[in-house]
Amino acid sequence: MLRVSIVILLFLMSSLANAASFTIVELPKSKYLVEAPKITVALPASYSSHPSKRYPVLYLLDGELNGELVHGMLQRLHASNGSYEHIIVGITSQNRIRDFAPTVNQDPRGPVGEGGGGDAFLDFIEKELMPTIAENYRTNQFNSLAGHSIAGLLVIHSFQSRPALFQSFFAFSPAVWWGARETAEATKKYVASKGRVQNYLYMNIGSEGGEMREVYDSLAHTILRNRHLDSQLQLDEFDDEPHDFTLAVGLYNALKGLFQYQQQQAFWKGRR
């Protein structure tokens, strides 16, 4: 009950204290997507008063739903010296399964024939959205991607298929059970390879059971066994929390771990 109360408090904090934090960004017609997502941006509190400062960027899938919560938590952590300020880019798809699932599902237990647009969506982010954000805002070279459920599946797909595109990844209850488990298996092969890219990965799971939990646990154990010392991995299990709450209950740990990783990277770069 305490954890649920904290979740409710976070939602209230983000919605009341930070209402209208995001502004809409208009992009030209996409070469990669038939239906463009809604793009919104929230700037750090110091953005106007520090015109020479550059900021890391957090690309948040389902930004319309989760943007204010993430923005509020980052502000609160920064006020206590627990996080760097970030530019937050919210990305809200009009069809989540189509855009976030990397492969087409053929399993009769799920929506047969759905999905398969994940790589086109990543093309849009990499080749159209990120250059637009870099051109119009003061960004640095540190980018994060965050998503929950089917959006978390796209995060894991990006982690193994385009590992250098982002420097950190947040996958809250990722739907790695999707389809024929192609993303889970590809990620296992990637982490066992010698071509790993240094980054920060946060994953969590809630009270989900059955095959969803089995596939997640198998993937998490494989990543844990094959993690690199120069990367950072954080795994959380919230066995008393339902699927819909895992982003909210895991967000503090995810951002705290990110800050520690960013501090380490800044230290080592300063020593070179």
C-alpha atoms as a PDB file:
ATOM      1  CA  MET A   1       0.000   0.000   0.000  1.00  0.00           C
ATOM      2  CA  LEU A   2       2.838   2.386   0.742  1.00  0.00           C
ATOM      3  CA  ARG A   3       4.286   1.937  -2.738  1.00  0.00           C
ATOM      4  CA  VAL A   4       0.874   2.534  -4.327  1.00  0.00           C
ATOM      5  CA  SER A   5       0.480   5.701  -2.242  1.00  0.00           C
ATOM      6  CA  ILE A   6       3.840   6.908  -3.504  1.00  0.00           C
ATOM      7  CA  VAL A   7       2.740   6.253  -7.086  1.00  0.00           C
ATOM      8  CA  ILE A   8      -0.453   8.266  -6.594  1.00  0.00           C
ATOM      9  CA  LEU A   9       1.551  11.094  -5.007  1.00  0.00           C
ATOM     10  CA  LEU A  10       3.928  11.168  -7.962  1.00  0.00           C
ATOM     11  CA  PHE A  11       1.068  11.385 -10.434  1.00  0.00           C
ATOM     12  CA  LEU A  12      -0.507  14.244  -8.483  1.00  0.00           C
ATOM     13  CA  MET A  13       2.812  16.029  -8.149  1.00  0.00           C
ATOM     14  CA  SER A  14       3.498  15.831 -11.866  1.00  0.00           C
ATOM     15  CA  SER A  15       0.014  16.792 -13.031  1.00  0.00           C
ATOM     16  CA  LEU A  16      -0.588  19.668 -10.623  1.00  0.00           C
ATOM     17  CA  ALA A  17       2.834  21.229 -10.230  1.00  0.00           C
ATOM     18  CA  ASN A  18       3.971  20.866 -13.827  1.00  0.00           C
ATOM     19  CA  ALA A  19       0.828  21.276 -15.918  1.00  0.00           C
ATOM     20  CA  ALA A  20       1.489  22.451 -19.473  1.00  0.00           C
ATOM     21  CA  SER A  21       5.240  21.809 -19.222  1.00  0.00           C
ATOM     22  CA  PHE A  22       5.359  20.563 -22.817  1.00  0.00           C
ATOM     23  CA  THR A  23       4.987  22.429 -26.098  1.00  0.00           C
ATOM     24  CA  ILE A  24       4.118  20.867 -29.449  1.00  0.00           C
ATOM     25  CA  VAL A  25       6.832  20.602 -32.096  1.00  0.00           C
ATOM     26  CA  GLU A  26       5.830  20.540 -35.752  1.00  0.00           C
ATOM     27  CA  LEU A  27       7.908  18.399 -38.096  1.00  0.00           C
ATOM     28  CA  PRO A  28       7.797  18.105 -41.906  1.00  0.00           C
ATOM     29  CA  LYS A  29       6.019  15.104 -43.401  1.00  0.00           C
ATOM     30  CA  SER A  30       8.006  11.988 -42.574  1.00  0.00           C
ATOM     31  CA  LYS A  31       9.758   9.922 -45.223  1.00  0.00           C
ATOM     32  CA  TYR A  32       9.530   6.863 -42.992  1.00  0.00           C
ATOM     33  CA  LEU A  33       6.062   6.985 -41.401  1.00  0.00           C
ATOM     34  CA  VAL A  34       2.633   7.156 -42.958  1.00  0.00           C
ATOM     35  CA  GLU A  35       1.186   8.602 -39.771  1.00  0.00           C
ATOM     36  CA  ALA A  36       3.432  10.949 -37.828  1.00  0.00           C
ATOM     37  CA  PRO A  37       3.483  10.805 -34.014  1.00  0.00           C
ATOM     38  CA  LYS A  38       2.743  13.792 -31.818  1.00  0.00           C
ATOM     39  CA  ILE A  39       5.996  15.395 -30.667  1.00  0.00           C
ATOM     40  CA  THR A  40       6.232  17.575 -27.557  1.00  0.00           C
ATOM     41  CA  VAL A  41       9.217  19.130 -25.783  1.00  0.00           C
ATOM     42  CA  ALA A  42       9.773  20.208 -22.183  1.00  0.00           C
ATOM     43  CA  LEU A  43      12.824  22.359 -21.455  1.00  0.00           C
ATOM     44  CA  PRO A  44      14.818  22.479 -18.205  1.00  0.00           C
ATOM     45  CA  ALA A  45      14.123  25.303 -15.759  1.00  0.00           C
ATOM     46  CA  SER A  46      17.589  26.786 -16.382  1.00  0.00           C
ATOM     47  CA  TYR A  47      17.359  26.700 -20.183  1.00  0.00           C
ATOM     48  CA  SER A  48      16.593  30.411 -20.675  1.00  0.00           C
ATOM     49  CA  SER A  49      18.888  31.714 -17.935  1.00  0.00           C
ATOM     50  CA  HIS A  50      21.926  29.701 -19.080  1.00  0.00           C
ATOM     51  CA  PRO A  51      22.149  30.356 -22.840  1.00  0.00           C
ATOM     52  CA  SER A  52      25.482  28.594 -23.273  1.00  0.00           C
ATOM     53  CA  LYS A  53      24.545  25.401 -21.442  1.00  0.00           C
ATOM     54  CA  ARG A  54      23.823  22.179 -23.318  1.00  0.00           C
ATOM     55  CA  TYR A  55      21.638  19.397 -22.006  1.00  0.00           C
ATOM     56  CA  PRO A  56      21.157  15.638 -22.346  1.00  0.00           C
ATOM     57  CA  VAL A  57      17.926  14.574 -24.035  1.00  0.00           C
ATOM     58  CA  LEU A  58      15.420  11.993 -22.842  1.00  0.00           C
ATOM     59  CA  TYR A  59      13.224  10.657 -25.648  1.00  0.00           C
ATOM     60  CA  LEU A  60      10.052   9.390 -23.984  1.00  0.00           C
ATOM     61  CA  LEU A  61       7.683   7.057 -25.822  1.00  0.00           C
ATOM     62  CA  ASP A  62       4.007   7.606 -24.930  1.00  0.00           C
ATOM     63  CA  GLY A  63       5.028  11.126 -24.001  1.00  0.00           C
ATOM     64  CA  GLU A  64       1.480  12.469 -23.767  1.00  0.00           C
ATOM     65  CA  LEU A  65       0.648   9.930 -21.047  1.00  0.00           C
ATOM     66  CA  ASN A  66       3.937   9.899 -19.120  1.00  0.00           C
ATOM     67  CA  GLY A  67       5.580  13.227 -19.880  1.00  0.00           C
ATOM     68  CA  GLU A  68       4.484  15.252 -16.871  1.00  0.00           C
ATOM     69  CA  LEU A  69       5.374  12.453 -14.462  1.00  0.00           C
ATOM     70  CA  VAL A  70       8.905  12.148 -15.865  1.00  0.00           C
ATOM     71  CA  HIS A  71       9.344  15.903 -16.021  1.00  0.00           C
ATOM     72  CA  GLY A  72       8.217  16.330 -12.416  1.00  0.00           C
ATOM     73  CA  MET A  73      10.494  13.574 -11.139  1.00  0.00           C
ATOM     74  CA  LEU A  74      13.514  14.987 -12.972  1.00  0.00           C
ATOM     75  CA  GLN A  75      12.836  18.441 -11.556  1.00  0.00           C
ATOM     76  CA  ARG A  76      12.523  17.074  -8.034  1.00  0.00           C
ATOM     77  CA  LEU A  77      15.691  15.005  -8.294  1.00  0.00           C
ATOM     78  CA  HIS A  78      17.644  17.915  -9.765  1.00  0.00           C
ATOM     79  CA  ALA A  79      16.509  20.155  -6.894  1.00  0.00           C
ATOM     80  CA  SER A  80      18.164  17.669  -4.510  1.00  0.00           C
ATOM     81  CA  ASN A  81      21.310  17.224  -6.617  1.00  0.00           C
ATOM     82  CA  GLY A  82      20.113  13.784  -7.680  1.00  0.00           C
ATOM     83  CA  SER A  83      19.899  14.314 -11.423  1.00  0.00           C
ATOM     84  CA  TYR A  84      21.132  16.441 -14.276  1.00  0.00           C
ATOM     85  CA  GLU A  85      18.560  18.602 -16.022  1.00  0.00           C
ATOM     86  CA  HIS A  86      17.273  17.100 -19.273  1.00  0.00           C
ATOM     87  CA  ILE A  87      15.395  18.181 -22.331  1.00  0.00           C
ATOM     88  CA  ILE A  88      12.440  15.788 -22.565  1.00  0.00           C
ATOM     89  CA  VAL A  89      11.040  14.912 -25.987  1.00  0.00           C
ATOM     90  CA  GLY A  90       7.658  13.218 -25.795  1.00  0.00           C
ATOM     91  CA  ILE A  91       6.736  10.888 -28.655  1.00  0.00           C
ATOM     92  CA  THR A  92       3.094   9.804 -28.848  1.00  0.00           C
ATOM     93  CA  SER A  93       2.199   7.278 -31.550  1.00  0.00           C
ATOM     94  CA  GLN A  94      -1.275   7.067 -33.041  1.00  0.00           C
ATOM     95  CA  ASN A  95      -0.918   3.273 -33.260  1.00  0.00           C
ATOM     96  CA  ARG A  96       1.382   1.849 -30.590  1.00  0.00           C
ATOM     97  CA  ILE A  97       1.448  -1.790 -31.716  1.00  0.00           C
ATOM     98  CA  ARG A  98       2.171  -0.876 -35.323  1.00  0.00           C
ATOM     99  CA  ASP A  99       4.917   1.597 -34.476  1.00  0.00           C
ATOM    100  CA  PHE A 100       6.563   0.013 -31.434  1.00  0.00           C
ATOM    101  CA  ALA A 101       6.529  -3.725 -32.198  1.00  0.00           C
ATOM    102  CA  PRO A 102       9.607  -4.591 -34.300  1.00  0.00           C
ATOM    103  CA  THR A 103       8.083  -7.738 -35.816  1.00  0.00           C
ATOM    104  CA  VAL A 104       4.684  -8.860 -37.087  1.00  0.00           C
ATOM    105  CA  ASN A 105       2.899 -11.172 -34.672  1.00  0.00           C
ATOM    106  CA  GLN A 106       1.777 -14.559 -35.984  1.00  0.00           C
ATOM    107  CA  ASP A 107       0.934 -16.109 -32.619  1.00  0.00           C
ATOM    108  CA  PRO A 108      -2.841 -16.791 -32.492  1.00  0.00           C
ATOM    109  CA  ARG A 109      -2.874 -15.799 -28.824  1.00  0.00           C
ATOM    110  CA  GLY A 110      -2.134 -12.213 -29.792  1.00  0.00           C
ATOM    111  CA  PRO A 111      -3.254  -9.754 -32.480  1.00  0.00           C
ATOM    112  CA  VAL A 112      -2.255 -11.721 -35.593  1.00  0.00           C
ATOM    113  CA  GLY A 113      -0.752  -9.608 -38.343  1.00  0.00           C
ATOM    114  CA  GLU A 114      -0.138  -6.598 -36.120  1.00  0.00           C
ATOM    115  CA  GLY A 115       3.201  -4.860 -35.537  1.00  0.00           C
ATOM    116  CA  GLY A 116       6.299  -4.717 -37.662  1.00  0.00           C
ATOM    117  CA  GLY A 117       6.857  -0.961 -37.778  1.00  0.00           C
ATOM    118  CA  GLY A 118       9.511  -0.691 -35.096  1.00  0.00           C
ATOM    119  CA  ASP A 119      12.475  -0.163 -37.410  1.00  0.00           C
ATOM    120  CA  ALA A 120      10.659   2.450 -39.479  1.00  0.00           C
ATOM    121  CA  PHE A 121       9.819   4.250 -36.244  1.00  0.00           C
ATOM    122  CA  LEU A 122      13.463   4.151 -35.166  1.00  0.00           C
ATOM    123  CA  ASP A 123      14.423   5.470 -38.624  1.00  0.00           C
ATOM    124  CA  PHE A 124      12.084   8.391 -37.994  1.00  0.00           C
ATOM    125  CA  ILE A 125      13.646   9.047 -34.587  1.00  0.00           C
ATOM    126  CA  GLU A 126      17.230   8.697 -35.808  1.00  0.00           C
ATOM    127  CA  LYS A 127      17.038  10.493 -39.157  1.00  0.00           C
ATOM    128  CA  GLU A 128      14.300  13.057 -38.702  1.00  0.00           C
ATOM    129  CA  LEU A 129      13.433  13.710 -35.063  1.00  0.00           C
ATOM    130  CA  MET A 130      16.881  13.697 -33.461  1.00  0.00           C
ATOM    131  CA  PRO A 131      18.439  16.026 -36.091  1.00  0.00           C
ATOM    132  CA  THR A 132      15.507  18.418 -35.658  1.00  0.00           C
ATOM    133  CA  ILE A 133      15.924  18.472 -31.880  1.00  0.00           C
ATOM    134  CA  ALA A 134      19.695  18.939 -32.174  1.00  0.00           C
ATOM    135  CA  GLU A 135      19.214  21.801 -34.630  1.00  0.00           C
ATOM    136  CA  ASN A 136      16.630  23.687 -32.612  1.00  0.00           C
ATOM    137  CA  TYR A 137      17.725  23.050 -29.028  1.00  0.00           C
ATOM    138  CA  ARG A 138      20.999  23.111 -27.125  1.00  0.00           C
ATOM    139  CA  THR A 139      21.696  19.416 -26.759  1.00  0.00           C
ATOM    140  CA  ASN A 140      24.834  17.500 -25.878  1.00  0.00           C
ATOM    141  CA  GLN A 141      25.818  14.053 -27.079  1.00  0.00           C
ATOM    142  CA  PHE A 142      23.947  12.059 -24.417  1.00  0.00           C
ATOM    143  CA  ASN A 143      20.545  10.675 -25.432  1.00  0.00           C
ATOM    144  CA  SER A 144      18.176   8.322 -23.592  1.00  0.00           C
ATOM    145  CA  LEU A 145      15.157   6.327 -24.772  1.00  0.00           C
ATOM    146  CA  ALA A 146      12.371   5.289 -22.389  1.00  0.00           C
ATOM    147  CA  GLY A 147       9.222   3.245 -22.831  1.00  0.00           C
ATOM    148  CA  HIS A 148       6.705   1.023 -21.049  1.00  0.00           C
ATOM    149  CA  SER A 149       5.187  -2.300 -22.164  1.00  0.00           C
ATOM    150  CA  ILE A 150       5.092  -2.468 -25.987  1.00  0.00           C
ATOM    151  CA  ALA A 151       7.071   0.795 -26.024  1.00  0.00           C
ATOM    152  CA  GLY A 152       9.577  -0.915 -23.738  1.00  0.00           C
ATOM    153  CA  LEU A 153       9.883  -3.635 -26.368  1.00  0.00           C
ATOM    154  CA  LEU A 154      11.007  -0.988 -28.862  1.00  0.00           C
ATOM    155  CA  VAL A 155      13.527   0.252 -26.301  1.00  0.00           C
ATOM    156  CA  ILE A 156      15.028  -3.243 -26.020  1.00  0.00           C
ATOM    157  CA  HIS A 157      14.995  -3.615 -29.794  1.00  0.00           C
ATOM    158  CA  SER A 158      16.911  -0.354 -30.128  1.00  0.00           C
ATOM    159  CA  PHE A 159      19.336  -1.472 -27.410  1.00  0.00           C
ATOM    160  CA  GLN A 160      20.412  -4.500 -29.453  1.00  0.00           C
ATOM    161  CA  SER A 161      19.869  -3.337 -33.051  1.00  0.00           C
ATOM    162  CA  ARG A 162      21.128   0.278 -32.820  1.00  0.00           C
ATOM    163  CA  PRO A 163      23.179   0.289 -29.619  1.00  0.00           C
ATOM    164  CA  ALA A 164      25.057   3.506 -30.409  1.00  0.00           C
ATOM    165  CA  LEU A 165      21.933   5.557 -31.147  1.00  0.00           C
ATOM    166  CA  PHE A 166      21.229   6.140 -27.451  1.00  0.00           C
ATOM    167  CA  GLN A 167      23.539   6.185 -24.460  1.00  0.00           C
ATOM    168  CA  SER A 168      20.911   4.935 -22.017  1.00  0.00           C
ATOM    169  CA  PHE A 169      17.755   2.840 -22.205  1.00  0.00           C
ATOM    170  CA  PHE A 170      14.748   2.532 -19.848  1.00  0.00           C
ATOM    171  CA  ALA A 171      12.481  -0.470 -20.467  1.00  0.00           C
ATOM    172  CA  PHE A 172       9.616  -0.671 -17.971  1.00  0.00           C
ATOM    173  CA  SER A 173       7.852  -4.069 -18.149  1.00  0.00           C
ATOM    174  CA  PRO A 174       8.990  -4.532 -21.758  1.00  0.00           C
ATOM    175  CA  ALA A 175       6.716  -6.790 -23.806  1.00  0.00           C
ATOM    176  CA  VAL A 176       9.531  -9.169 -24.763  1.00  0.00           C
ATOM    177  CA  TRP A 177       6.972 -11.988 -25.060  1.00  0.00           C
ATOM    178  CA  TRP A 178       5.762 -10.398 -28.318  1.00  0.00           C
ATOM    179  CA  GLY A 179       5.431 -12.587 -31.412  1.00  0.00           C
ATOM    180  CA  ALA A 180       7.986 -15.355 -31.671  1.00  0.00           C
ATOM    181  CA  ARG A 181      10.192 -13.656 -29.027  1.00  0.00           C
ATOM    182  CA  GLU A 182      12.473 -12.350 -31.801  1.00  0.00           C
ATOM    183  CA  THR A 183      13.578  -9.277 -29.851  1.00  0.00           C
ATOM    184  CA  ALA A 184      14.373 -11.264 -26.708  1.00  0.00           C
ATOM    185  CA  GLU A 185      16.439 -13.805 -28.640  1.00  0.00           C
ATOM    186  CA  ALA A 186      18.272 -11.145 -30.671  1.00  0.00           C
ATOM    187  CA  THR A 187      19.107  -9.290 -27.449  1.00  0.00           C
ATOM    188  CA  LYS A 188      20.512 -12.449 -25.868  1.00  0.00           C
ATOM    189  CA  LYS A 189      22.793 -12.933 -28.870  1.00  0.00           C
ATOM    190  CA  TYR A 190      23.840  -9.292 -28.770  1.00  0.00           C
ATOM    191  CA  VAL A 191      24.824  -9.235 -25.095  1.00  0.00           C
ATOM    192  CA  ALA A 192      26.780 -12.482 -25.531  1.00  0.00           C
ATOM    193  CA  SER A 193      28.729 -11.030 -28.472  1.00  0.00           C
ATOM    194  CA  LYS A 194      31.979  -9.102 -28.388  1.00  0.00           C
ATOM    195  CA  GLY A 195      30.445  -6.074 -30.086  1.00  0.00           C
ATOM    196  CA  ARG A 196      28.716  -4.595 -27.048  1.00  0.00           C
ATOM    197  CA  VAL A 197      28.505  -0.806 -26.861  1.00  0.00           C
ATOM    198  CA  GLN A 198      29.004   0.933 -23.531  1.00  0.00           C
ATOM    199  CA  ASN A 199      25.740   2.297 -22.117  1.00  0.00           C
ATOM    200  CA  TYR A 200      23.230   2.258 -19.255  1.00  0.00           C
ATOM    201  CA  LEU A 201      20.271  -0.140 -19.260  1.00  0.00           C
ATOM    202  CA  TYR A 202      17.385  -0.135 -16.803  1.00  0.00           C
ATOM    203  CA  MET A 203      14.709  -2.857 -16.921  1.00  0.00           C
ATOM    204  CA  ASN A 204      11.952  -3.781 -14.534  1.00  0.00           C
ATOM    205  CA  ILE A 205       8.974  -6.093 -14.171  1.00  0.00           C
ATOM    206  CA  GLY A 206       5.889  -6.087 -11.961  1.00  0.00           C
ATOM    207  CA  SER A 207       3.428  -8.760 -10.922  1.00  0.00           C
ATOM    208  CA  GLU A 208       3.080 -10.088 -14.460  1.00  0.00           C
ATOM    209  CA  GLY A 209       3.126 -13.881 -14.518  1.00  0.00           C
ATOM    210  CA  GLY A 210       3.078 -16.807 -16.878  1.00  0.00           C
ATOM    211  CA  GLU A 211       4.930 -16.652 -20.158  1.00  0.00           C
ATOM    212  CA  MET A 212       5.458 -12.905 -19.968  1.00  0.00           C
ATOM    213  CA  ARG A 213       7.436 -13.291 -16.753  1.00  0.00           C
ATOM    214  CA  GLU A 214       9.292 -16.372 -18.004  1.00  0.00           C
ATOM    215  CA  VAL A 215      10.521 -14.630 -21.155  1.00  0.00           C
ATOM    216  CA  TYR A 216      11.488 -11.499 -19.208  1.00  0.00           C
ATOM    217  CA  ASP A 217      13.360 -13.479 -16.534  1.00  0.00           C
ATOM    218  CA  SER A 218      15.274 -15.457 -19.150  1.00  0.00           C
ATOM    219  CA  LEU A 219      16.327 -12.259 -20.905  1.00  0.00           C
ATOM    220  CA  ALA A 220      17.240 -10.466 -17.664  1.00  0.00           C
ATOM    221  CA  HIS A 221      19.384 -13.381 -16.481  1.00  0.00           C
ATOM    222  CA  THR A 222      21.207 -13.533 -19.814  1.00  0.00           C
ATOM    223  CA  ILE A 223      21.938  -9.805 -19.734  1.00  0.00           C
ATOM    224  CA  LEU A 224      23.078 -10.047 -16.116  1.00  0.00           C
ATOM    225  CA  ARG A 225      25.511 -12.886 -16.899  1.00  0.00           C
ATOM    226  CA  ASN A 226      26.975 -11.047 -19.877  1.00  0.00           C
ATOM    227  CA  ARG A 227      27.108  -7.461 -18.645  1.00  0.00           C
ATOM    228  CA  HIS A 228      30.226  -5.418 -19.332  1.00  0.00           C
ATOM    229  CA  LEU A 229      32.138  -3.739 -16.547  1.00  0.00           C
ATOM    230  CA  ASP A 230      32.205  -0.424 -18.406  1.00  0.00           C
ATOM    231  CA  SER A 231      28.415  -0.440 -18.810  1.00  0.00           C
ATOM    232  CA  GLN A 232      25.783  -0.138 -16.125  1.00  0.00           C
ATOM    233  CA  LEU A 233      22.803  -2.444 -15.648  1.00  0.00           C
ATOM    234  CA  GLN A 234      19.961  -2.055 -13.185  1.00  0.00           C
ATOM    235  CA  LEU A 235      17.144  -4.589 -12.831  1.00  0.00           C
ATOM    236  CA  ASP A 236      14.112  -4.171 -10.570  1.00  0.00           C
ATOM    237  CA  GLU A 237      11.337  -6.577  -9.616  1.00  0.00           C
ATOM    238  CA  PHE A 238       8.128  -5.141  -8.159  1.00  0.00           C
ATOM    239  CA  ASP A 239       6.182  -8.317  -7.476  1.00  0.00           C
ATOM    240  CA  ASP A 240       3.356  -6.495  -5.670  1.00  0.00           C
ATOM    241  CA  GLU A 241       2.751  -3.919  -8.405  1.00  0.00           C
ATOM    242  CA  PRO A 242       0.609  -4.446 -11.525  1.00  0.00           C
ATOM    243  CA  HIS A 243       1.814  -3.926 -15.051  1.00  0.00           C
ATOM    244  CA  ASP A 244       0.357  -0.427 -15.407  1.00  0.00           C
ATOM    245  CA  PHE A 245       2.331   0.937 -12.438  1.00  0.00           C
ATOM    246  CA  THR A 246       5.832  -0.292 -13.271  1.00  0.00           C
ATOM    247  CA  LEU A 247       6.928   2.923 -14.978  1.00  0.00           C
ATOM    248  CA  ALA A 248       5.805   5.022 -12.034  1.00  0.00           C
ATOM    249  CA  VAL A 249       7.311   2.812  -9.316  1.00  0.00           C
ATOM    250  CA  GLY A 250      10.559   2.256 -11.215  1.00  0.00           C
ATOM    251  CA  LEU A 251      11.152   5.787 -12.441  1.00  0.00           C
ATOM    252  CA  TYR A 252      13.062   6.981  -9.372  1.00  0.00           C
ATOM    253  CA  ASN A 253      15.485   4.051  -9.498  1.00  0.00           C
ATOM    254  CA  ALA A 254      15.912   4.398 -13.259  1.00  0.00           C
ATOM    255  CA  LEU A 255      16.770   8.101 -13.079  1.00  0.00           C
ATOM    256  CA  LYS A 256      18.978   7.677 -10.023  1.00  0.00           C
ATOM    257  CA  GLY A 257      20.969   4.978 -11.818  1.00  0.00           C
ATOM    258  CA  LEU A 258      21.201   7.155 -14.908  1.00  0.00           C
ATOM    259  CA  PHE A 259      22.654  10.016 -12.862  1.00  0.00           C
ATOM    260  CA  GLN A 260      25.295   7.736 -11.360  1.00  0.00           C
ATOM    261  CA  TYR A 261      26.242   6.489 -14.820  1.00  0.00           C
ATOM    262  CA  GLN A 262      26.408  10.026 -16.237  1.00  0.00           C
ATOM    263  CA  GLN A 263      28.627  11.109 -13.352  1.00  0.00           C
ATOM    264  CA  GLN A 264      30.972   8.193 -14.006  1.00  0.00           C
ATOM    265  CA  GLN A 265      31.175   9.061 -17.685  1.00  0.00           C
ATOM    266  CA  ALA A 266      31.875  12.708 -16.934  1.00  0.00           C
ATOM    267  CA  PHE A 267      34.630  11.693 -14.486  1.00  0.00           C
ATOM    268  CA  TRP A 268      36.410   9.389 -16.891  1.00  0.00           C
ATOM    269  CA  LYS A 269      36.165  11.843 -19.777  1.00  0.00           C
ATOM    270  CA  GLY A 270      37.691  14.461 -17.519  1.00  0.00           C
ATOM    271  CA  ARG A 271      40.630  12.149 -16.769  1.00  0.00           C
ATOM    272  CA  ARG A 272      41.445  11.550 -20.457  1.00  0.00           C
END
